mmCIF file of all heavy atoms, coordinates in Angstrom:
data_MODEL
# 
_entry.id   MODEL 
# 
loop_
_atom_site.group_PDB 
_atom_site.id 
_atom_site.type_symbol 
_atom_site.label_atom_id 
_atom_site.label_alt_id 
_atom_site.label_comp_id 
_atom_site.label_asym_id 
_atom_site.label_entity_id 
_atom_site.label_seq_id 
_atom_site.pdbx_PDB_ins_code 
_atom_site.Cartn_x 
_atom_site.Cartn_y 
_atom_site.Cartn_z 
_atom_site.occupancy 
_atom_site.B_iso_or_equiv 
_atom_site.pdbx_formal_charge 
_atom_site.auth_seq_id 
_atom_site.auth_comp_id 
_atom_site.auth_asym_id 
_atom_site.auth_atom_id 
_atom_site.pdbx_PDB_model_num 
ATOM 1   N N   . ILE A 1 1  ? 5.392  -2.326 20.397 1.00 0.00 ? 1  ILE A N   1 
ATOM 2   C CA  . ILE A 1 1  ? 5.224  -1.565 19.154 1.00 0.00 ? 1  ILE A CA  1 
ATOM 3   C C   . ILE A 1 1  ? 4.721  -0.160 19.491 1.00 0.00 ? 1  ILE A C   1 
ATOM 4   O O   . ILE A 1 1  ? 3.749  -0.018 20.296 1.00 0.00 ? 1  ILE A O   1 
ATOM 5   C CB  . ILE A 1 1  ? 4.287  -2.210 18.196 1.00 0.00 ? 1  ILE A CB  1 
ATOM 6   C CG1 . ILE A 1 1  ? 4.786  -3.621 17.833 1.00 0.00 ? 1  ILE A CG1 1 
ATOM 7   C CG2 . ILE A 1 1  ? 4.053  -1.382 16.945 1.00 0.00 ? 1  ILE A CG2 1 
ATOM 8   C CD1 . ILE A 1 1  ? 6.050  -3.727 16.951 1.00 0.00 ? 1  ILE A CD1 1 
ATOM 9   N N   . MET A 1 2  ? 5.297  0.821  18.876 1.00 0.00 ? 2  MET A N   1 
ATOM 10  C CA  . MET A 1 2  ? 4.793  2.201  18.916 1.00 0.00 ? 2  MET A CA  1 
ATOM 11  C C   . MET A 1 2  ? 4.641  2.762  17.538 1.00 0.00 ? 2  MET A C   1 
ATOM 12  O O   . MET A 1 2  ? 5.628  2.651  16.725 1.00 0.00 ? 2  MET A O   1 
ATOM 13  C CB  . MET A 1 2  ? 5.771  3.084  19.737 1.00 0.00 ? 2  MET A CB  1 
ATOM 14  C CG  . MET A 1 2  ? 5.868  2.688  21.190 1.00 0.00 ? 2  MET A CG  1 
ATOM 15  S SD  . MET A 1 2  ? 7.569  2.812  21.852 1.00 0.00 ? 2  MET A SD  1 
ATOM 16  C CE  . MET A 1 2  ? 8.251  1.273  21.222 1.00 0.00 ? 2  MET A CE  1 
ATOM 17  N N   . ILE A 1 3  ? 3.500  3.337  17.208 1.00 0.00 ? 3  ILE A N   1 
ATOM 18  C CA  . ILE A 1 3  ? 3.262  3.901  15.814 1.00 0.00 ? 3  ILE A CA  1 
ATOM 19  C C   . ILE A 1 3  ? 2.957  5.344  15.978 1.00 0.00 ? 3  ILE A C   1 
ATOM 20  O O   . ILE A 1 3  ? 2.101  5.726  16.740 1.00 0.00 ? 3  ILE A O   1 
ATOM 21  C CB  . ILE A 1 3  ? 2.146  3.139  15.102 1.00 0.00 ? 3  ILE A CB  1 
ATOM 22  C CG1 . ILE A 1 3  ? 2.456  1.613  14.977 1.00 0.00 ? 3  ILE A CG1 1 
ATOM 23  C CG2 . ILE A 1 3  ? 1.953  3.758  13.678 1.00 0.00 ? 3  ILE A CG2 1 
ATOM 24  C CD1 . ILE A 1 3  ? 1.383  0.897  14.359 1.00 0.00 ? 3  ILE A CD1 1 
ATOM 25  N N   . TYR A 1 4  ? 3.675  6.190  15.187 1.00 0.00 ? 4  TYR A N   1 
ATOM 26  C CA  . TYR A 1 4  ? 3.505  7.616  15.185 1.00 0.00 ? 4  TYR A CA  1 
ATOM 27  C C   . TYR A 1 4  ? 3.150  8.114  13.783 1.00 0.00 ? 4  TYR A C   1 
ATOM 28  O O   . TYR A 1 4  ? 3.565  7.517  12.769 1.00 0.00 ? 4  TYR A O   1 
ATOM 29  C CB  . TYR A 1 4  ? 4.776  8.380  15.614 1.00 0.00 ? 4  TYR A CB  1 
ATOM 30  C CG  . TYR A 1 4  ? 5.189  7.939  16.980 1.00 0.00 ? 4  TYR A CG  1 
ATOM 31  C CD1 . TYR A 1 4  ? 6.044  6.827  17.183 1.00 0.00 ? 4  TYR A CD1 1 
ATOM 32  C CD2 . TYR A 1 4  ? 4.812  8.642  18.180 1.00 0.00 ? 4  TYR A CD2 1 
ATOM 33  C CE1 . TYR A 1 4  ? 6.481  6.374  18.402 1.00 0.00 ? 4  TYR A CE1 1 
ATOM 34  C CE2 . TYR A 1 4  ? 5.270  8.252  19.421 1.00 0.00 ? 4  TYR A CE2 1 
ATOM 35  C CZ  . TYR A 1 4  ? 6.102  7.136  19.546 1.00 0.00 ? 4  TYR A CZ  1 
ATOM 36  O OH  . TYR A 1 4  ? 6.489  6.740  20.781 1.00 0.00 ? 4  TYR A OH  1 
ATOM 37  N N   . ARG A 1 5  ? 2.281  9.142  13.707 1.00 0.00 ? 5  ARG A N   1 
ATOM 38  C CA  . ARG A 1 5  ? 1.970  9.764  12.388 1.00 0.00 ? 5  ARG A CA  1 
ATOM 39  C C   . ARG A 1 5  ? 2.552  11.196 12.382 1.00 0.00 ? 5  ARG A C   1 
ATOM 40  O O   . ARG A 1 5  ? 2.409  11.912 13.384 1.00 0.00 ? 5  ARG A O   1 
ATOM 41  C CB  . ARG A 1 5  ? 0.457  9.864  12.238 1.00 0.00 ? 5  ARG A CB  1 
ATOM 42  C CG  . ARG A 1 5  ? 0.010  10.466 10.908 1.00 0.00 ? 5  ARG A CG  1 
ATOM 43  C CD  . ARG A 1 5  ? -1.483 10.441 10.725 1.00 0.00 ? 5  ARG A CD  1 
ATOM 44  N NE  . ARG A 1 5  ? -1.863 10.966 9.360  1.00 0.00 ? 5  ARG A NE  1 
ATOM 45  C CZ  . ARG A 1 5  ? -2.055 12.216 9.134  1.00 0.00 ? 5  ARG A CZ  1 
ATOM 46  N NH1 . ARG A 1 5  ? -1.965 13.171 10.046 1.00 0.00 ? 5  ARG A NH1 1 
ATOM 47  N NH2 . ARG A 1 5  ? -2.369 12.570 7.851  1.00 0.00 ? 5  ARG A NH2 1 
ATOM 48  N N   . ILE A 1 6  ? 3.086  11.498 11.266 1.00 0.00 ? 6  ILE A N   1 
ATOM 49  C CA  . ILE A 1 6  ? 3.657  12.843 11.021 1.00 0.00 ? 6  ILE A CA  1 
ATOM 50  C C   . ILE A 1 6  ? 2.618  13.654 10.185 1.00 0.00 ? 6  ILE A C   1 
ATOM 51  O O   . ILE A 1 6  ? 2.247  13.195 9.147  1.00 0.00 ? 6  ILE A O   1 
ATOM 52  C CB  . ILE A 1 6  ? 5.026  12.855 10.245 1.00 0.00 ? 6  ILE A CB  1 
ATOM 53  C CG1 . ILE A 1 6  ? 5.976  11.875 10.907 1.00 0.00 ? 6  ILE A CG1 1 
ATOM 54  C CG2 . ILE A 1 6  ? 5.517  14.247 10.232 1.00 0.00 ? 6  ILE A CG2 1 
ATOM 55  C CD1 . ILE A 1 6  ? 6.381  12.233 12.273 1.00 0.00 ? 6  ILE A CD1 1 
ATOM 56  N N   . GLY A 1 7  ? 2.108  14.749 10.742 1.00 0.00 ? 7  GLY A N   1 
ATOM 57  C CA  . GLY A 1 7  ? 1.150  15.545 10.004 1.00 0.00 ? 7  GLY A CA  1 
ATOM 58  C C   . GLY A 1 7  ? 1.726  16.141 8.737  1.00 0.00 ? 7  GLY A C   1 
ATOM 59  O O   . GLY A 1 7  ? 2.922  16.373 8.627  1.00 0.00 ? 7  GLY A O   1 
ATOM 60  N N   . ASP A 1 8  ? 0.880  16.349 7.737  1.00 0.00 ? 8  ASP A N   1 
ATOM 61  C CA  . ASP A 1 8  ? 1.365  16.895 6.437  1.00 0.00 ? 8  ASP A CA  1 
ATOM 62  C C   . ASP A 1 8  ? 2.190  18.160 6.605  1.00 0.00 ? 8  ASP A C   1 
ATOM 63  O O   . ASP A 1 8  ? 3.176  18.380 5.941  1.00 0.00 ? 8  ASP A O   1 
ATOM 64  C CB  . ASP A 1 8  ? 0.195  17.109 5.510  1.00 0.00 ? 8  ASP A CB  1 
ATOM 65  C CG  . ASP A 1 8  ? -0.505 15.813 5.088  1.00 0.00 ? 8  ASP A CG  1 
ATOM 66  O OD1 . ASP A 1 8  ? 0.058  14.801 5.320  1.00 0.00 ? 8  ASP A OD1 1 
ATOM 67  O OD2 . ASP A 1 8  ? -1.684 15.920 4.588  1.00 0.00 ? 8  ASP A OD2 1 
ATOM 68  N N   . ARG A 1 9  ? 1.672  19.055 7.497  1.00 0.00 ? 9  ARG A N   1 
ATOM 69  C CA  . ARG A 1 9  ? 2.346  20.363 7.647  1.00 0.00 ? 9  ARG A CA  1 
ATOM 70  C C   . ARG A 1 9  ? 3.693  20.187 8.404  1.00 0.00 ? 9  ARG A C   1 
ATOM 71  O O   . ARG A 1 9  ? 4.483  21.190 8.454  1.00 0.00 ? 9  ARG A O   1 
ATOM 72  C CB  . ARG A 1 9  ? 1.444  21.289 8.401  1.00 0.00 ? 9  ARG A CB  1 
ATOM 73  C CG  . ARG A 1 9  ? 0.147  21.694 7.556  1.00 0.00 ? 9  ARG A CG  1 
ATOM 74  C CD  . ARG A 1 9  ? -0.685 22.610 8.366  1.00 0.00 ? 9  ARG A CD  1 
ATOM 75  N NE  . ARG A 1 9  ? -1.895 22.972 7.613  1.00 0.00 ? 9  ARG A NE  1 
ATOM 76  C CZ  . ARG A 1 9  ? -2.869 23.808 8.030  1.00 0.00 ? 9  ARG A CZ  1 
ATOM 77  N NH1 . ARG A 1 9  ? -2.668 24.354 9.240  1.00 0.00 ? 9  ARG A NH1 1 
ATOM 78  N NH2 . ARG A 1 9  ? -3.939 24.084 7.332  1.00 0.00 ? 9  ARG A NH2 1 
ATOM 79  N N   . SER A 1 10 ? 3.923  19.062 9.055  1.00 0.00 ? 10 SER A N   1 
ATOM 80  C CA  . SER A 1 10 ? 5.105  18.858 9.871  1.00 0.00 ? 10 SER A CA  1 
ATOM 81  C C   . SER A 1 10 ? 6.161  18.037 9.172  1.00 0.00 ? 10 SER A C   1 
ATOM 82  O O   . SER A 1 10 ? 7.267  17.932 9.701  1.00 0.00 ? 10 SER A O   1 
ATOM 83  C CB  . SER A 1 10 ? 4.743  18.213 11.195 1.00 0.00 ? 10 SER A CB  1 
ATOM 84  O OG  . SER A 1 10 ? 3.821  19.003 11.905 1.00 0.00 ? 10 SER A OG  1 
ATOM 85  N N   . ILE A 1 11 ? 5.862  17.500 7.975  1.00 0.00 ? 11 ILE A N   1 
ATOM 86  C CA  . ILE A 1 11 ? 6.852  16.658 7.352  1.00 0.00 ? 11 ILE A CA  1 
ATOM 87  C C   . ILE A 1 11 ? 8.098  17.522 6.994  1.00 0.00 ? 11 ILE A C   1 
ATOM 88  O O   . ILE A 1 11 ? 9.232  17.057 7.177  1.00 0.00 ? 11 ILE A O   1 
ATOM 89  C CB  . ILE A 1 11 ? 6.267  16.023 6.040  1.00 0.00 ? 11 ILE A CB  1 
ATOM 90  C CG1 . ILE A 1 11 ? 5.206  14.969 6.459  1.00 0.00 ? 11 ILE A CG1 1 
ATOM 91  C CG2 . ILE A 1 11 ? 7.320  15.401 5.183  1.00 0.00 ? 11 ILE A CG2 1 
ATOM 92  C CD1 . ILE A 1 11 ? 4.551  14.374 5.236  1.00 0.00 ? 11 ILE A CD1 1 
ATOM 93  N N   . ALA A 1 12 ? 7.908  18.747 6.505  1.00 0.00 ? 12 ALA A N   1 
ATOM 94  C CA  . ALA A 1 12 ? 9.040  19.566 6.168  1.00 0.00 ? 12 ALA A CA  1 
ATOM 95  C C   . ALA A 1 12 ? 9.943  19.783 7.353  1.00 0.00 ? 12 ALA A C   1 
ATOM 96  O O   . ALA A 1 12 ? 11.198 19.768 7.288  1.00 0.00 ? 12 ALA A O   1 
ATOM 97  C CB  . ALA A 1 12 ? 8.595  20.892 5.636  1.00 0.00 ? 12 ALA A CB  1 
ATOM 98  N N   . THR A 1 13 ? 9.325  19.990 8.569  1.00 0.00 ? 13 THR A N   1 
ATOM 99  C CA  . THR A 1 13 ? 10.065 20.178 9.794  1.00 0.00 ? 13 THR A CA  1 
ATOM 100 C C   . THR A 1 13 ? 10.817 18.914 10.172 1.00 0.00 ? 13 THR A C   1 
ATOM 101 O O   . THR A 1 13 ? 12.026 18.958 10.535 1.00 0.00 ? 13 THR A O   1 
ATOM 102 C CB  . THR A 1 13 ? 9.122  20.555 10.932 1.00 0.00 ? 13 THR A CB  1 
ATOM 103 O OG1 . THR A 1 13 ? 8.446  21.764 10.613 1.00 0.00 ? 13 THR A OG1 1 
ATOM 104 C CG2 . THR A 1 13 ? 9.902  20.758 12.175 1.00 0.00 ? 13 THR A CG2 1 
ATOM 105 N N   . ALA A 1 14 ? 10.207 17.714 10.004 1.00 0.00 ? 14 ALA A N   1 
ATOM 106 C CA  . ALA A 1 14 ? 10.871 16.510 10.310 1.00 0.00 ? 14 ALA A CA  1 
ATOM 107 C C   . ALA A 1 14 ? 12.045 16.286 9.373  1.00 0.00 ? 14 ALA A C   1 
ATOM 108 O O   . ALA A 1 14 ? 13.100 15.750 9.824  1.00 0.00 ? 14 ALA A O   1 
ATOM 109 C CB  . ALA A 1 14 ? 9.877  15.329 10.194 1.00 0.00 ? 14 ALA A CB  1 
ATOM 110 N N   . VAL A 1 15 ? 11.907 16.605 8.081  1.00 0.00 ? 15 VAL A N   1 
ATOM 111 C CA  . VAL A 1 15 ? 13.007 16.482 7.164  1.00 0.00 ? 15 VAL A CA  1 
ATOM 112 C C   . VAL A 1 15 ? 14.151 17.481 7.502  1.00 0.00 ? 15 VAL A C   1 
ATOM 113 O O   . VAL A 1 15 ? 15.313 17.068 7.557  1.00 0.00 ? 15 VAL A O   1 
ATOM 114 C CB  . VAL A 1 15 ? 12.520 16.713 5.741  1.00 0.00 ? 15 VAL A CB  1 
ATOM 115 C CG1 . VAL A 1 15 ? 13.668 16.794 4.730  1.00 0.00 ? 15 VAL A CG1 1 
ATOM 116 C CG2 . VAL A 1 15 ? 11.554 15.652 5.286  1.00 0.00 ? 15 VAL A CG2 1 
ATOM 117 N N   . ARG A 1 16 ? 13.787 18.676 7.824  1.00 0.00 ? 16 ARG A N   1 
ATOM 118 C CA  . ARG A 1 16 ? 14.791 19.683 8.152  1.00 0.00 ? 16 ARG A CA  1 
ATOM 119 C C   . ARG A 1 16 ? 15.572 19.365 9.326  1.00 0.00 ? 16 ARG A C   1 
ATOM 120 O O   . ARG A 1 16 ? 16.837 19.567 9.395  1.00 0.00 ? 16 ARG A O   1 
ATOM 121 C CB  . ARG A 1 16 ? 14.118 21.025 8.343  1.00 0.00 ? 16 ARG A CB  1 
ATOM 122 C CG  . ARG A 1 16 ? 15.053 22.179 8.637  1.00 0.00 ? 16 ARG A CG  1 
ATOM 123 C CD  . ARG A 1 16 ? 14.295 23.434 9.195  1.00 0.00 ? 16 ARG A CD  1 
ATOM 124 N NE  . ARG A 1 16 ? 13.670 23.083 10.460 1.00 0.00 ? 16 ARG A NE  1 
ATOM 125 C CZ  . ARG A 1 16 ? 12.579 23.645 10.971 1.00 0.00 ? 16 ARG A CZ  1 
ATOM 126 N NH1 . ARG A 1 16 ? 12.018 24.646 10.258 1.00 0.00 ? 16 ARG A NH1 1 
ATOM 127 N NH2 . ARG A 1 16 ? 12.094 23.348 12.111 1.00 0.00 ? 16 ARG A NH2 1 
ATOM 128 N N   . ASP A 1 17 ? 14.967 18.748 10.350 1.00 0.00 ? 17 ASP A N   1 
ATOM 129 C CA  . ASP A 1 17 ? 15.619 18.392 11.610 1.00 0.00 ? 17 ASP A CA  1 
ATOM 130 C C   . ASP A 1 17 ? 16.290 17.064 11.583 1.00 0.00 ? 17 ASP A C   1 
ATOM 131 O O   . ASP A 1 17 ? 16.805 16.594 12.589 1.00 0.00 ? 17 ASP A O   1 
ATOM 132 C CB  . ASP A 1 17 ? 14.578 18.450 12.793 1.00 0.00 ? 17 ASP A CB  1 
ATOM 133 C CG  . ASP A 1 17 ? 14.030 19.838 13.081 1.00 0.00 ? 17 ASP A CG  1 
ATOM 134 O OD1 . ASP A 1 17 ? 14.635 20.769 12.424 1.00 0.00 ? 17 ASP A OD1 1 
ATOM 135 O OD2 . ASP A 1 17 ? 13.097 20.004 13.811 1.00 0.00 ? 17 ASP A OD2 1 
ATOM 136 N N   . GLY A 1 18 ? 16.255 16.403 10.441 1.00 0.00 ? 18 GLY A N   1 
ATOM 137 C CA  . GLY A 1 18 ? 16.959 15.118 10.279 1.00 0.00 ? 18 GLY A CA  1 
ATOM 138 C C   . GLY A 1 18 ? 16.239 13.942 10.942 1.00 0.00 ? 18 GLY A C   1 
ATOM 139 O O   . GLY A 1 18 ? 16.846 12.898 11.124 1.00 0.00 ? 18 GLY A O   1 
ATOM 140 N N   . ILE A 1 19 ? 14.943 14.138 11.272 1.00 0.00 ? 19 ILE A N   1 
ATOM 141 C CA  . ILE A 1 19 ? 14.183 13.027 11.896 1.00 0.00 ? 19 ILE A CA  1 
ATOM 142 C C   . ILE A 1 19 ? 13.679 12.039 10.836 1.00 0.00 ? 19 ILE A C   1 
ATOM 143 O O   . ILE A 1 19 ? 13.661 10.859 11.037 1.00 0.00 ? 19 ILE A O   1 
ATOM 144 C CB  . ILE A 1 19 ? 13.036 13.566 12.767 1.00 0.00 ? 19 ILE A CB  1 
ATOM 145 C CG1 . ILE A 1 19 ? 13.600 14.478 13.903 1.00 0.00 ? 19 ILE A CG1 1 
ATOM 146 C CG2 . ILE A 1 19 ? 12.182 12.479 13.340 1.00 0.00 ? 19 ILE A CG2 1 
ATOM 147 C CD1 . ILE A 1 19 ? 12.535 15.210 14.667 1.00 0.00 ? 19 ILE A CD1 1 
ATOM 148 N N   . PHE A 1 20 ? 13.143 12.585 9.780  1.00 0.00 ? 20 PHE A N   1 
ATOM 149 C CA  . PHE A 1 20 ? 12.442 11.848 8.753  1.00 0.00 ? 20 PHE A CA  1 
ATOM 150 C C   . PHE A 1 20 ? 13.401 10.716 8.123  1.00 0.00 ? 20 PHE A C   1 
ATOM 151 O O   . PHE A 1 20 ? 14.489 10.998 7.723  1.00 0.00 ? 20 PHE A O   1 
ATOM 152 C CB  . PHE A 1 20 ? 11.936 12.736 7.645  1.00 0.00 ? 20 PHE A CB  1 
ATOM 153 C CG  . PHE A 1 20 ? 11.016 12.060 6.687  1.00 0.00 ? 20 PHE A CG  1 
ATOM 154 C CD1 . PHE A 1 20 ? 9.790  11.529 7.062  1.00 0.00 ? 20 PHE A CD1 1 
ATOM 155 C CD2 . PHE A 1 20 ? 11.421 11.895 5.333  1.00 0.00 ? 20 PHE A CD2 1 
ATOM 156 C CE1 . PHE A 1 20 ? 8.957  10.901 6.141  1.00 0.00 ? 20 PHE A CE1 1 
ATOM 157 C CE2 . PHE A 1 20 ? 10.560 11.306 4.429  1.00 0.00 ? 20 PHE A CE2 1 
ATOM 158 C CZ  . PHE A 1 20 ? 9.363  10.755 4.808  1.00 0.00 ? 20 PHE A CZ  1 
ATOM 159 N N   . GLN A 1 21 ? 12.893 9.508  8.108  1.00 0.00 ? 21 GLN A N   1 
ATOM 160 C CA  . GLN A 1 21 ? 13.559 8.355  7.627  1.00 0.00 ? 21 GLN A CA  1 
ATOM 161 C C   . GLN A 1 21 ? 14.767 7.919  8.406  1.00 0.00 ? 21 GLN A C   1 
ATOM 162 O O   . GLN A 1 21 ? 15.580 7.123  7.902  1.00 0.00 ? 21 GLN A O   1 
ATOM 163 C CB  . GLN A 1 21 ? 13.872 8.548  6.128  1.00 0.00 ? 21 GLN A CB  1 
ATOM 164 C CG  . GLN A 1 21 ? 12.668 8.536  5.253  1.00 0.00 ? 21 GLN A CG  1 
ATOM 165 C CD  . GLN A 1 21 ? 13.002 8.374  3.764  1.00 0.00 ? 21 GLN A CD  1 
ATOM 166 O OE1 . GLN A 1 21 ? 14.015 8.894  3.347  1.00 0.00 ? 21 GLN A OE1 1 
ATOM 167 N NE2 . GLN A 1 21 ? 12.175 7.690  2.987  1.00 0.00 ? 21 GLN A NE2 1 
ATOM 168 N N   . GLY A 1 22 ? 14.974 8.477  9.585  1.00 0.00 ? 22 GLY A N   1 
ATOM 169 C CA  . GLY A 1 22 ? 16.098 8.064  10.405 1.00 0.00 ? 22 GLY A CA  1 
ATOM 170 C C   . GLY A 1 22 ? 15.604 7.076  11.493 1.00 0.00 ? 22 GLY A C   1 
ATOM 171 O O   . GLY A 1 22 ? 14.452 6.859  11.676 1.00 0.00 ? 22 GLY A O   1 
ATOM 172 N N   . SER A 1 23 ? 16.555 6.413  12.176 1.00 0.00 ? 23 SER A N   1 
ATOM 173 C CA  . SER A 1 23 ? 16.241 5.556  13.286 1.00 0.00 ? 23 SER A CA  1 
ATOM 174 C C   . SER A 1 23 ? 15.819 6.377  14.503 1.00 0.00 ? 23 SER A C   1 
ATOM 175 O O   . SER A 1 23 ? 16.327 7.532  14.698 1.00 0.00 ? 23 SER A O   1 
ATOM 176 C CB  . SER A 1 23 ? 17.414 4.670  13.616 1.00 0.00 ? 23 SER A CB  1 
ATOM 177 O OG  . SER A 1 23 ? 17.686 3.787  12.568 1.00 0.00 ? 23 SER A OG  1 
ATOM 178 N N   . LEU A 1 24 ? 14.963 5.819  15.327 1.00 0.00 ? 24 LEU A N   1 
ATOM 179 C CA  . LEU A 1 24 ? 14.463 6.610  16.478 1.00 0.00 ? 24 LEU A CA  1 
ATOM 180 C C   . LEU A 1 24 ? 14.981 5.979  17.783 1.00 0.00 ? 24 LEU A C   1 
ATOM 181 O O   . LEU A 1 24 ? 15.064 4.811  17.956 1.00 0.00 ? 24 LEU A O   1 
ATOM 182 C CB  . LEU A 1 24 ? 12.946 6.494  16.492 1.00 0.00 ? 24 LEU A CB  1 
ATOM 183 C CG  . LEU A 1 24 ? 12.102 7.040  15.377 1.00 0.00 ? 24 LEU A CG  1 
ATOM 184 C CD1 . LEU A 1 24 ? 10.640 7.075  15.675 1.00 0.00 ? 24 LEU A CD1 1 
ATOM 185 C CD2 . LEU A 1 24 ? 12.562 8.495  15.017 1.00 0.00 ? 24 LEU A CD2 1 
ATOM 186 N N   . SER A 1 25 ? 15.373 6.860  18.660 1.00 0.00 ? 25 SER A N   1 
ATOM 187 C CA  . SER A 1 25 ? 15.624 6.561  20.057 1.00 0.00 ? 25 SER A CA  1 
ATOM 188 C C   . SER A 1 25 ? 14.332 6.856  20.877 1.00 0.00 ? 25 SER A C   1 
ATOM 189 O O   . SER A 1 25 ? 13.364 7.369  20.304 1.00 0.00 ? 25 SER A O   1 
ATOM 190 C CB  . SER A 1 25 ? 16.826 7.355  20.658 1.00 0.00 ? 25 SER A CB  1 
ATOM 191 O OG  . SER A 1 25 ? 16.464 8.747  20.650 1.00 0.00 ? 25 SER A OG  1 
# 
């Protein structure tokens, strides 16, 4: 198991880059 936290200020970046709510490699 690996758990990561996205900082509040970085959520917009994660959404913009298509990372948020997607599957991870």
